Amino acid sequence: MTIKTFSLGGDLDINRLGFGAMRLAMGTFDGPARDPGTGIGVLRRAVELGVNHIDTAGFYGRGAVRANELIRTALTPYQDELVIATKVGPLPGPNGVPSGQATPGQLRALVETDLRALGLERLDLVYLRVGGITGPGGESIAERFTVLAELRNEGLIRHLGVSNVNAAQLTEARTIAPVAAVQNELSDEAGLLAECEASGIAYVPYFPLGGGRTPLDTDRLGKVAARLGATTAQVQIASLLAMSPSVLAIPGTGSLGHLEENLAAGDLVLGEEDLSYLRGPA
């Protein structure tokens, strides 16, 4: 818990507690659009509080309210130390839920769209997000990841990542180009985290606070939170950061209050007894 920064790709030092932009534009993929002014305020406050890693995607949005445009409006000119990560691959269906997958031939346009929307000449980190909203499907990702590797060679991308992958897909990607980060659901195979830690790769759990999909043991979290005078969300974030120095947490919110609550978790110290209780049967 004393290690608060991570060297992404070996050359970008970022705070391990960052910010996920999914909820800026809408509460859920099929929910109504949120007030863009609130999202802009949340972003500016996040940076004021020390966030220098923002995770976003071109498919985060509802109608005219898009996370990437909010980021550009709120934060340009960007601070030199700010790292923006984005994801390409999923294609939203008619209801806005990312249910389709881009072909290799569509990936360049998606990267270029993110560059324009964010107002950047180079993206710090681009994940190839595999699949829709389901878990890793096991298919080959070589052709698609090769396209992103070529864009990296052209200077449009600084570092590459993979998301929603299994161990075989990560291995396949690493034979093509260096992988700086893996973004998977927390419940995925534990061996991936060990591989990431051994290889200097960031492991970034998505839905770090459950997101309505990942089940959290709220009873255990609540008991630890009550003892520490914290919230269950703060205990969950602190427990993620305690898992490994390679873990980055990216809790997202469209609320200023929740933002400040989440970021305060960076100073919450969990003892070994707390961590053992949270991770195993009593």
C-alpha atoms as a PDB file:
ATOM      1  CA  MET A   1       0.000   0.000   0.000  1.00  0.00           C
ATOM      2  CA  THR A   2       3.008   2.318   0.292  1.00  0.00           C
ATOM      3  CA  ILE A   3       3.670   2.149  -3.476  1.00  0.00           C
ATOM      4  CA  LYS A   4       1.347   4.741  -4.963  1.00  0.00           C
ATOM      5  CA  THR A   5       2.765   5.071  -8.473  1.00  0.00           C
ATOM      6  CA  PHE A   6       3.414   2.748 -11.391  1.00  0.00           C
ATOM      7  CA  SER A   7       5.702   3.119 -14.405  1.00  0.00           C
ATOM      8  CA  LEU A   8       3.393   2.412 -17.336  1.00  0.00           C
ATOM      9  CA  GLY A   9       5.370   0.941 -20.203  1.00  0.00           C
ATOM     10  CA  GLY A  10       8.530   1.821 -18.316  1.00  0.00           C
ATOM     11  CA  ASP A  11       8.341   5.531 -19.141  1.00  0.00           C
ATOM     12  CA  LEU A  12       5.044   7.000 -17.878  1.00  0.00           C
ATOM     13  CA  ASP A  13       4.828   7.392 -14.098  1.00  0.00           C
ATOM     14  CA  ILE A  14       1.197   7.462 -13.031  1.00  0.00           C
ATOM     15  CA  ASN A  15      -0.714   7.354  -9.790  1.00  0.00           C
ATOM     16  CA  ARG A  16      -2.141   3.886  -9.217  1.00  0.00           C
ATOM     17  CA  LEU A  17      -5.505   5.376  -8.309  1.00  0.00           C
ATOM     18  CA  GLY A  18      -6.933   6.867 -11.476  1.00  0.00           C
ATOM     19  CA  PHE A  19     -10.323   7.644 -12.956  1.00  0.00           C
ATOM     20  CA  GLY A  20     -12.634   5.707 -15.277  1.00  0.00           C
ATOM     21  CA  ALA A  21     -14.641   7.894 -17.652  1.00  0.00           C
ATOM     22  CA  MET A  22     -17.472   5.503 -18.518  1.00  0.00           C
ATOM     23  CA  ARG A  23     -20.005   7.098 -16.171  1.00  0.00           C
ATOM     24  CA  LEU A  24     -19.346  10.691 -17.197  1.00  0.00           C
ATOM     25  CA  ALA A  25     -21.775  10.632 -20.085  1.00  0.00           C
ATOM     26  CA  MET A  26     -24.292   8.093 -18.794  1.00  0.00           C
ATOM     27  CA  GLY A  27     -24.879   5.981 -15.729  1.00  0.00           C
ATOM     28  CA  THR A  28     -25.153   2.759 -17.753  1.00  0.00           C
ATOM     29  CA  PHE A  29     -24.699   1.935 -21.428  1.00  0.00           C
ATOM     30  CA  ASP A  30     -28.451   1.961 -21.997  1.00  0.00           C
ATOM     31  CA  GLY A  31     -29.264   4.783 -19.578  1.00  0.00           C
ATOM     32  CA  PRO A  32     -30.036   8.450 -20.307  1.00  0.00           C
ATOM     33  CA  ALA A  33     -27.353  11.036 -20.975  1.00  0.00           C
ATOM     34  CA  ARG A  34     -25.976  12.975 -18.025  1.00  0.00           C
ATOM     35  CA  ASP A  35     -25.485  16.725 -17.772  1.00  0.00           C
ATOM     36  CA  PRO A  36     -22.198  17.470 -19.587  1.00  0.00           C
ATOM     37  CA  GLY A  37     -21.455  20.364 -17.248  1.00  0.00           C
ATOM     38  CA  THR A  38     -21.346  17.978 -14.296  1.00  0.00           C
ATOM     39  CA  GLY A  39     -18.977  15.668 -16.136  1.00  0.00           C
ATOM     40  CA  ILE A  40     -16.646  18.545 -16.941  1.00  0.00           C
ATOM     41  CA  GLY A  41     -16.632  19.545 -13.282  1.00  0.00           C
ATOM     42  CA  VAL A  42     -15.867  15.994 -12.174  1.00  0.00           C
ATOM     43  CA  LEU A  43     -12.914  15.753 -14.564  1.00  0.00           C
ATOM     44  CA  ARG A  44     -11.406  19.038 -13.478  1.00  0.00           C
ATOM     45  CA  ARG A  45     -11.774  18.146  -9.829  1.00  0.00           C
ATOM     46  CA  ALA A  46     -10.215  14.718 -10.427  1.00  0.00           C
ATOM     47  CA  VAL A  47      -7.085  16.311 -11.861  1.00  0.00           C
ATOM     48  CA  GLU A  48      -7.006  18.857  -9.029  1.00  0.00           C
ATOM     49  CA  LEU A  49      -6.977  15.921  -6.585  1.00  0.00           C
ATOM     50  CA  GLY A  50      -3.988  14.300  -8.267  1.00  0.00           C
ATOM     51  CA  VAL A  51      -5.460  11.977 -10.881  1.00  0.00           C
ATOM     52  CA  ASN A  52      -3.070  11.649 -13.816  1.00  0.00           C
ATOM     53  CA  HIS A  53      -4.481   8.482 -15.422  1.00  0.00           C
ATOM     54  CA  ILE A  54      -7.877   8.653 -17.116  1.00  0.00           C
ATOM     55  CA  ASP A  55      -9.377   5.577 -18.765  1.00  0.00           C
ATOM     56  CA  THR A  56     -11.881   6.239 -21.538  1.00  0.00           C
ATOM     57  CA  ALA A  57     -13.264   4.868 -24.826  1.00  0.00           C
ATOM     58  CA  GLY A  58     -14.924   6.238 -27.926  1.00  0.00           C
ATOM     59  CA  PHE A  59     -18.017   4.162 -27.199  1.00  0.00           C
ATOM     60  CA  TYR A  60     -18.529   5.827 -23.805  1.00  0.00           C
ATOM     61  CA  GLY A  61     -21.413   8.131 -24.534  1.00  0.00           C
ATOM     62  CA  ARG A  62     -25.081   8.709 -25.053  1.00  0.00           C
ATOM     63  CA  GLY A  63     -26.255  10.792 -27.984  1.00  0.00           C
ATOM     64  CA  ALA A  64     -24.305  14.045 -28.174  1.00  0.00           C
ATOM     65  CA  VAL A  65     -22.752  13.577 -24.733  1.00  0.00           C
ATOM     66  CA  ARG A  66     -19.460  11.729 -25.229  1.00  0.00           C
ATOM     67  CA  ALA A  67     -16.772  11.045 -22.647  1.00  0.00           C
ATOM     68  CA  ASN A  68     -13.890  11.879 -24.973  1.00  0.00           C
ATOM     69  CA  GLU A  69     -15.324  15.260 -25.884  1.00  0.00           C
ATOM     70  CA  LEU A  70     -15.912  16.005 -22.202  1.00  0.00           C
ATOM     71  CA  ILE A  71     -12.286  15.167 -21.457  1.00  0.00           C
ATOM     72  CA  ARG A  72     -11.038  17.476 -24.216  1.00  0.00           C
ATOM     73  CA  THR A  73     -13.331  20.311 -23.143  1.00  0.00           C
ATOM     74  CA  ALA A  74     -12.477  19.986 -19.463  1.00  0.00           C
ATOM     75  CA  LEU A  75      -8.751  19.371 -19.564  1.00  0.00           C
ATOM     76  CA  THR A  76      -7.131  20.933 -22.632  1.00  0.00           C
ATOM     77  CA  PRO A  77      -4.464  22.120 -22.747  1.00  0.00           C
ATOM     78  CA  TYR A  78      -3.504  18.824 -21.126  1.00  0.00           C
ATOM     79  CA  GLN A  79      -0.987  18.718 -18.296  1.00  0.00           C
ATOM     80  CA  ASP A  80       2.259  17.062 -19.367  1.00  0.00           C
ATOM     81  CA  GLU A  81       1.933  14.317 -16.743  1.00  0.00           C
ATOM     82  CA  LEU A  82      -1.655  13.366 -17.667  1.00  0.00           C
ATOM     83  CA  VAL A  83      -1.970   9.901 -19.238  1.00  0.00           C
ATOM     84  CA  ILE A  84      -5.115   9.101 -21.210  1.00  0.00           C
ATOM     85  CA  ALA A  85      -5.906   5.472 -22.035  1.00  0.00           C
ATOM     86  CA  THR A  86      -8.580   4.477 -24.505  1.00  0.00           C
ATOM     87  CA  LYS A  87     -10.024   1.247 -25.884  1.00  0.00           C
ATOM     88  CA  VAL A  88     -10.945   0.221 -29.410  1.00  0.00           C
ATOM     89  CA  GLY A  89     -12.679  -2.872 -30.691  1.00  0.00           C
ATOM     90  CA  PRO A  90     -16.269  -2.869 -29.434  1.00  0.00           C
ATOM     91  CA  LEU A  91     -18.949  -1.453 -31.717  1.00  0.00           C
ATOM     92  CA  PRO A  92     -22.171  -0.208 -30.090  1.00  0.00           C
ATOM     93  CA  GLY A  93     -25.430  -1.759 -31.206  1.00  0.00           C
ATOM     94  CA  PRO A  94     -28.688   0.150 -31.742  1.00  0.00           C
ATOM     95  CA  ASN A  95     -29.300   0.367 -27.977  1.00  0.00           C
ATOM     96  CA  GLY A  96     -25.841   1.781 -27.284  1.00  0.00           C
ATOM     97  CA  VAL A  97     -24.518  -1.400 -25.676  1.00  0.00           C
ATOM     98  CA  PRO A  98     -21.132  -2.403 -27.175  1.00  0.00           C
ATOM     99  CA  SER A  99     -22.179  -5.742 -28.604  1.00  0.00           C
ATOM    100  CA  GLY A 100     -20.242  -5.950 -31.895  1.00  0.00           C
ATOM    101  CA  GLN A 101     -16.537  -6.180 -32.691  1.00  0.00           C
ATOM    102  CA  ALA A 102     -14.544  -4.101 -35.156  1.00  0.00           C
ATOM    103  CA  THR A 103     -12.723  -5.867 -37.940  1.00  0.00           C
ATOM    104  CA  PRO A 104      -8.984  -5.304 -38.384  1.00  0.00           C
ATOM    105  CA  GLY A 105      -9.810  -2.926 -41.223  1.00  0.00           C
ATOM    106  CA  GLN A 106     -11.948  -0.747 -38.950  1.00  0.00           C
ATOM    107  CA  LEU A 107      -9.420  -0.238 -36.154  1.00  0.00           C
ATOM    108  CA  ARG A 108      -7.391   2.565 -37.740  1.00  0.00           C
ATOM    109  CA  ALA A 109     -10.498   4.711 -38.139  1.00  0.00           C
ATOM    110  CA  LEU A 110     -11.460   4.097 -34.501  1.00  0.00           C
ATOM    111  CA  VAL A 111      -8.006   5.189 -33.311  1.00  0.00           C
ATOM    112  CA  GLU A 112      -8.085   8.276 -35.534  1.00  0.00           C
ATOM    113  CA  THR A 113     -11.553   9.152 -34.225  1.00  0.00           C
ATOM    114  CA  ASP A 114     -10.289   8.971 -30.639  1.00  0.00           C
ATOM    115  CA  LEU A 115      -7.323  11.189 -31.526  1.00  0.00           C
ATOM    116  CA  ARG A 116      -9.646  13.845 -32.974  1.00  0.00           C
ATOM    117  CA  ALA A 117     -12.196  13.631 -30.179  1.00  0.00           C
ATOM    118  CA  LEU A 118      -9.539  13.951 -27.475  1.00  0.00           C
ATOM    119  CA  GLY A 119      -7.553  16.600 -29.345  1.00  0.00           C
ATOM    120  CA  LEU A 120      -4.334  14.582 -29.301  1.00  0.00           C
ATOM    121  CA  GLU A 121      -1.633  13.791 -31.833  1.00  0.00           C
ATOM    122  CA  ARG A 122      -0.676  10.567 -30.047  1.00  0.00           C
ATOM    123  CA  LEU A 123      -2.600   8.334 -27.667  1.00  0.00           C
ATOM    124  CA  ASP A 124      -0.701   7.319 -24.516  1.00  0.00           C
ATOM    125  CA  LEU A 125      -2.285   3.873 -24.216  1.00  0.00           C
ATOM    126  CA  VAL A 126      -4.683   2.026 -26.504  1.00  0.00           C
ATOM    127  CA  TYR A 127      -6.241  -1.269 -25.472  1.00  0.00           C
ATOM    128  CA  LEU A 128      -7.555  -3.794 -27.918  1.00  0.00           C
ATOM    129  CA  ARG A 129     -10.824  -4.631 -26.179  1.00  0.00           C
ATOM    130  CA  VAL A 130     -11.867  -8.145 -27.172  1.00  0.00           C
ATOM    131  CA  GLY A 131     -15.500  -9.192 -27.327  1.00  0.00           C
ATOM    132  CA  GLY A 132     -18.612  -7.273 -26.408  1.00  0.00           C
ATOM    133  CA  ILE A 133     -19.847  -7.281 -22.829  1.00  0.00           C
ATOM    134  CA  THR A 134     -19.122 -10.974 -22.296  1.00  0.00           C
ATOM    135  CA  GLY A 135     -15.909 -12.561 -21.025  1.00  0.00           C
ATOM    136  CA  PRO A 136     -12.898 -13.579 -23.129  1.00  0.00           C
ATOM    137  CA  GLY A 137     -13.981 -15.695 -26.073  1.00  0.00           C
ATOM    138  CA  GLY A 138     -10.639 -17.354 -26.728  1.00  0.00           C
ATOM    139  CA  GLU A 139     -10.363 -16.397 -30.411  1.00  0.00           C
ATOM    140  CA  SER A 140      -7.105 -15.268 -31.993  1.00  0.00           C
ATOM    141  CA  ILE A 141      -6.413 -11.552 -31.607  1.00  0.00           C
ATOM    142  CA  ALA A 142      -3.247 -11.526 -33.713  1.00  0.00           C
ATOM    143  CA  GLU A 143      -4.620  -9.793 -36.809  1.00  0.00           C
ATOM    144  CA  ARG A 144      -6.300  -7.014 -34.846  1.00  0.00           C
ATOM    145  CA  PHE A 145      -3.398  -6.478 -32.454  1.00  0.00           C
ATOM    146  CA  THR A 146      -0.999  -6.316 -35.403  1.00  0.00           C
ATOM    147  CA  VAL A 147      -2.971  -3.356 -36.765  1.00  0.00           C
ATOM    148  CA  LEU A 148      -2.533  -1.501 -33.467  1.00  0.00           C
ATOM    149  CA  ALA A 149       1.164  -2.414 -33.414  1.00  0.00           C
ATOM    150  CA  GLU A 150       1.515  -0.837 -36.856  1.00  0.00           C
ATOM    151  CA  LEU A 151      -0.189   2.339 -35.626  1.00  0.00           C
ATOM    152  CA  ARG A 152       2.239   2.354 -32.713  1.00  0.00           C
ATOM    153  CA  ASN A 153       5.136   2.126 -35.146  1.00  0.00           C
ATOM    154  CA  GLU A 154       3.666   5.090 -37.025  1.00  0.00           C
ATOM    155  CA  GLY A 155       3.710   7.159 -33.836  1.00  0.00           C
ATOM    156  CA  LEU A 156      -0.066   7.414 -33.320  1.00  0.00           C
ATOM    157  CA  ILE A 157       0.067   5.257 -30.170  1.00  0.00           C
ATOM    158  CA  ARG A 158       2.673   5.261 -27.411  1.00  0.00           C
ATOM    159  CA  HIS A 159       1.806   2.030 -25.590  1.00  0.00           C
ATOM    160  CA  LEU A 160      -0.489  -0.919 -26.278  1.00  0.00           C
ATOM    161  CA  GLY A 161      -2.763  -2.880 -23.982  1.00  0.00           C
ATOM    162  CA  VAL A 162      -5.275  -5.707 -24.180  1.00  0.00           C
ATOM    163  CA  SER A 163      -8.624  -5.980 -22.458  1.00  0.00           C
ATOM    164  CA  ASN A 164     -11.027  -8.815 -21.712  1.00  0.00           C
ATOM    165  CA  VAL A 165      -8.431 -11.445 -22.618  1.00  0.00           C
ATOM    166  CA  ASN A 166      -7.329 -14.827 -21.336  1.00  0.00           C
ATOM    167  CA  ALA A 167      -3.765 -16.014 -20.781  1.00  0.00           C
ATOM    168  CA  ALA A 168      -3.379 -17.415 -24.303  1.00  0.00           C
ATOM    169  CA  GLN A 169      -4.538 -14.154 -25.879  1.00  0.00           C
ATOM    170  CA  LEU A 170      -2.105 -12.153 -23.751  1.00  0.00           C
ATOM    171  CA  THR A 171       0.724 -14.456 -24.817  1.00  0.00           C
ATOM    172  CA  GLU A 172      -0.306 -14.065 -28.453  1.00  0.00           C
ATOM    173  CA  ALA A 173      -0.316 -10.267 -28.179  1.00  0.00           C
ATOM    174  CA  ARG A 174       3.127 -10.216 -26.536  1.00  0.00           C
ATOM    175  CA  THR A 175       4.634 -12.100 -29.485  1.00  0.00           C
ATOM    176  CA  ILE A 176       3.542  -9.203 -31.729  1.00  0.00           C
ATOM    177  CA  ALA A 177       4.384  -6.106 -29.677  1.00  0.00           C
ATOM    178  CA  PRO A 178       5.067  -5.090 -26.057  1.00  0.00           C
ATOM    179  CA  VAL A 179       1.963  -5.035 -23.857  1.00  0.00           C
ATOM    180  CA  ALA A 180       1.961  -2.270 -21.247  1.00  0.00           C
ATOM    181  CA  ALA A 181      -1.381  -3.019 -19.572  1.00  0.00           C
ATOM    182  CA  VAL A 182      -4.109  -5.631 -19.225  1.00  0.00           C
ATOM    183  CA  GLN A 183      -7.639  -4.496 -18.399  1.00  0.00           C
ATOM    184  CA  ASN A 184      -9.804  -7.416 -17.297  1.00  0.00           C
ATOM    185  CA  GLU A 185     -12.716  -8.060 -15.028  1.00  0.00           C
ATOM    186  CA  LEU A 186     -11.462  -8.735 -11.518  1.00  0.00           C
ATOM    187  CA  SER A 187     -12.906 -12.252 -11.423  1.00  0.00           C
ATOM    188  CA  ASP A 188     -10.731 -13.442 -14.320  1.00  0.00           C
ATOM    189  CA  GLU A 189      -7.983 -16.012 -13.862  1.00  0.00           C
ATOM    190  CA  ALA A 190      -5.511 -15.064 -11.138  1.00  0.00           C
ATOM    191  CA  GLY A 191      -2.526 -16.237 -13.184  1.00  0.00           C
ATOM    192  CA  LEU A 192      -2.798 -13.177 -15.395  1.00  0.00           C
ATOM    193  CA  LEU A 193      -2.094 -10.865 -12.463  1.00  0.00           C
ATOM    194  CA  ALA A 194       1.004 -12.870 -11.531  1.00  0.00           C
ATOM    195  CA  GLU A 195       2.248 -12.712 -15.126  1.00  0.00           C
ATOM    196  CA  CYS A 196       1.637  -8.978 -15.266  1.00  0.00           C
ATOM    197  CA  GLU A 197       3.493  -8.371 -12.019  1.00  0.00           C
ATOM    198  CA  ALA A 198       6.461 -10.472 -13.140  1.00  0.00           C
ATOM    199  CA  SER A 199       6.616  -8.691 -16.499  1.00  0.00           C
ATOM    200  CA  GLY A 200       6.106  -5.082 -15.408  1.00  0.00           C
ATOM    201  CA  ILE A 201       2.661  -4.941 -17.010  1.00  0.00           C
ATOM    202  CA  ALA A 202      -0.126  -2.932 -15.377  1.00  0.00           C
ATOM    203  CA  TYR A 203      -3.209  -4.915 -14.356  1.00  0.00           C
ATOM    204  CA  VAL A 204      -6.304  -2.716 -14.446  1.00  0.00           C
ATOM    205  CA  PRO A 205      -9.542  -4.292 -13.180  1.00  0.00           C
ATOM    206  CA  TYR A 206     -12.610  -2.891 -14.889  1.00  0.00           C
ATOM    207  CA  PHE A 207     -15.799  -2.546 -12.846  1.00  0.00           C
ATOM    208  CA  PRO A 208     -13.574  -2.060  -9.756  1.00  0.00           C
ATOM    209  CA  LEU A 209     -16.676  -1.246  -7.694  1.00  0.00           C
ATOM    210  CA  GLY A 210     -18.828  -3.957  -9.204  1.00  0.00           C
ATOM    211  CA  GLY A 211     -20.489  -1.930 -11.926  1.00  0.00           C
ATOM    212  CA  GLY A 212     -23.678  -3.904 -11.438  1.00  0.00           C
ATOM    213  CA  ARG A 213     -21.939  -7.015 -12.855  1.00  0.00           C
ATOM    214  CA  THR A 214     -19.040  -8.026 -10.637  1.00  0.00           C
ATOM    215  CA  PRO A 215     -20.366  -9.394  -7.316  1.00  0.00           C
ATOM    216  CA  LEU A 216     -18.790  -7.816  -4.253  1.00  0.00           C
ATOM    217  CA  ASP A 217     -18.920  -9.267  -0.776  1.00  0.00           C
ATOM    218  CA  THR A 218     -20.631  -6.216   0.682  1.00  0.00           C
ATOM    219  CA  ASP A 219     -21.032  -7.854   4.077  1.00  0.00           C
ATOM    220  CA  ARG A 220     -17.284  -8.265   4.551  1.00  0.00           C
ATOM    221  CA  LEU A 221     -16.542  -4.875   3.019  1.00  0.00           C
ATOM    222  CA  GLY A 222     -19.107  -3.276   5.302  1.00  0.00           C
ATOM    223  CA  LYS A 223     -17.633  -4.792   8.451  1.00  0.00           C
ATOM    224  CA  VAL A 224     -14.118  -3.602   7.607  1.00  0.00           C
ATOM    225  CA  ALA A 225     -15.458  -0.200   6.570  1.00  0.00           C
ATOM    226  CA  ALA A 226     -17.313   0.210   9.865  1.00  0.00           C
ATOM    227  CA  ARG A 227     -14.196  -0.598  11.852  1.00  0.00           C
ATOM    228  CA  LEU A 228     -12.092   1.893   9.895  1.00  0.00           C
ATOM    229  CA  GLY A 229     -14.712   4.628   9.631  1.00  0.00           C
ATOM    230  CA  ALA A 230     -14.642   4.345   5.838  1.00  0.00           C
ATOM    231  CA  THR A 231     -17.156   3.481   3.118  1.00  0.00           C
ATOM    232  CA  THR A 232     -17.470   0.081   1.455  1.00  0.00           C
ATOM    233  CA  ALA A 233     -16.326   1.635  -1.843  1.00  0.00           C
ATOM    234  CA  GLN A 234     -13.186   2.981  -0.188  1.00  0.00           C
ATOM    235  CA  VAL A 235     -12.375  -0.408   1.322  1.00  0.00           C
ATOM    236  CA  GLN A 236     -12.894  -2.123  -2.039  1.00  0.00           C
ATOM    237  CA  ILE A 237     -10.558   0.339  -3.802  1.00  0.00           C
ATOM    238  CA  ALA A 238      -7.935   0.024  -1.063  1.00  0.00           C
ATOM    239  CA  SER A 239      -8.105  -3.776  -1.241  1.00  0.00           C
ATOM    240  CA  LEU A 240      -7.523  -3.669  -5.002  1.00  0.00           C
ATOM    241  CA  LEU A 241      -4.433  -1.512  -4.573  1.00  0.00           C
ATOM    242  CA  ALA A 242      -3.172  -3.907  -1.904  1.00  0.00           C
ATOM    243  CA  MET A 243      -3.396  -6.913  -4.246  1.00  0.00           C
ATOM    244  CA  SER A 244      -0.209  -6.074  -6.125  1.00  0.00           C
ATOM    245  CA  PRO A 245       1.982  -3.058  -6.948  1.00  0.00           C
ATOM    246  CA  SER A 246       0.996  -3.710 -10.578  1.00  0.00           C
ATOM    247  CA  VAL A 247      -2.716  -3.106  -9.966  1.00  0.00           C
ATOM    248  CA  LEU A 248      -4.186   0.209 -11.084  1.00  0.00           C
ATOM    249  CA  ALA A 249      -7.663   1.187  -9.862  1.00  0.00           C
ATOM    250  CA  ILE A 250      -9.925   3.262 -12.116  1.00  0.00           C
ATOM    251  CA  PRO A 251     -13.192   3.846 -10.229  1.00  0.00           C
ATOM    252  CA  GLY A 252     -15.572   5.982 -12.245  1.00  0.00           C
ATOM    253  CA  THR A 253     -18.409   8.267 -11.282  1.00  0.00           C
ATOM    254  CA  GLY A 254     -20.490  11.166 -12.524  1.00  0.00           C
ATOM    255  CA  SER A 255     -20.729  12.649  -9.025  1.00  0.00           C
ATOM    256  CA  LEU A 256     -18.322  15.073  -7.376  1.00  0.00           C
ATOM    257  CA  GLY A 257     -19.102  13.618  -3.967  1.00  0.00           C
ATOM    258  CA  HIS A 258     -18.386  10.060  -5.044  1.00  0.00           C
ATOM    259  CA  LEU A 259     -15.233  11.193  -6.810  1.00  0.00           C
ATOM    260  CA  GLU A 260     -13.779  12.712  -3.663  1.00  0.00           C
ATOM    261  CA  GLU A 261     -14.847   9.677  -1.638  1.00  0.00           C
ATOM    262  CA  ASN A 262     -13.202   7.279  -4.096  1.00  0.00           C
ATOM    263  CA  LEU A 263      -9.928   9.180  -4.289  1.00  0.00           C
ATOM    264  CA  ALA A 264      -9.682   9.371  -0.513  1.00  0.00           C
ATOM    265  CA  ALA A 265      -9.302   5.585  -0.596  1.00  0.00           C
ATOM    266  CA  GLY A 266      -5.719   6.112  -1.730  1.00  0.00           C
ATOM    267  CA  ASP A 267      -4.843   7.032   1.854  1.00  0.00           C
ATOM    268  CA  LEU A 268      -6.734   4.143   3.456  1.00  0.00           C
ATOM    269  CA  VAL A 269      -4.418   1.533   4.957  1.00  0.00           C
ATOM    270  CA  LEU A 270      -5.722  -2.017   5.338  1.00  0.00           C
ATOM    271  CA  GLY A 271      -3.913  -4.310   7.739  1.00  0.00           C
ATOM    272  CA  GLU A 272      -3.093  -7.925   6.978  1.00  0.00           C
ATOM    273  CA  GLU A 273      -5.981  -9.046   9.148  1.00  0.00           C
ATOM    274  CA  ASP A 274      -8.370  -6.887   7.135  1.00  0.00           C
ATOM    275  CA  LEU A 275      -7.041  -8.190   3.821  1.00  0.00           C
ATOM    276  CA  SER A 276      -7.158 -11.800   4.930  1.00  0.00           C
ATOM    277  CA  TYR A 277     -10.757 -11.367   6.064  1.00  0.00           C
ATOM    278  CA  LEU A 278     -11.766  -9.709   2.789  1.00  0.00           C
ATOM    279  CA  ARG A 279     -10.184 -12.393   0.599  1.00  0.00           C
ATOM    280  CA  GLY A 280     -11.008 -15.625   2.332  1.00  0.00           C
ATOM    281  CA  PRO A 281     -13.668 -17.454   4.315  1.00  0.00           C
ATOM    282  CA  ALA A 282     -13.786 -16.669   8.001  1.00  0.00           C
END
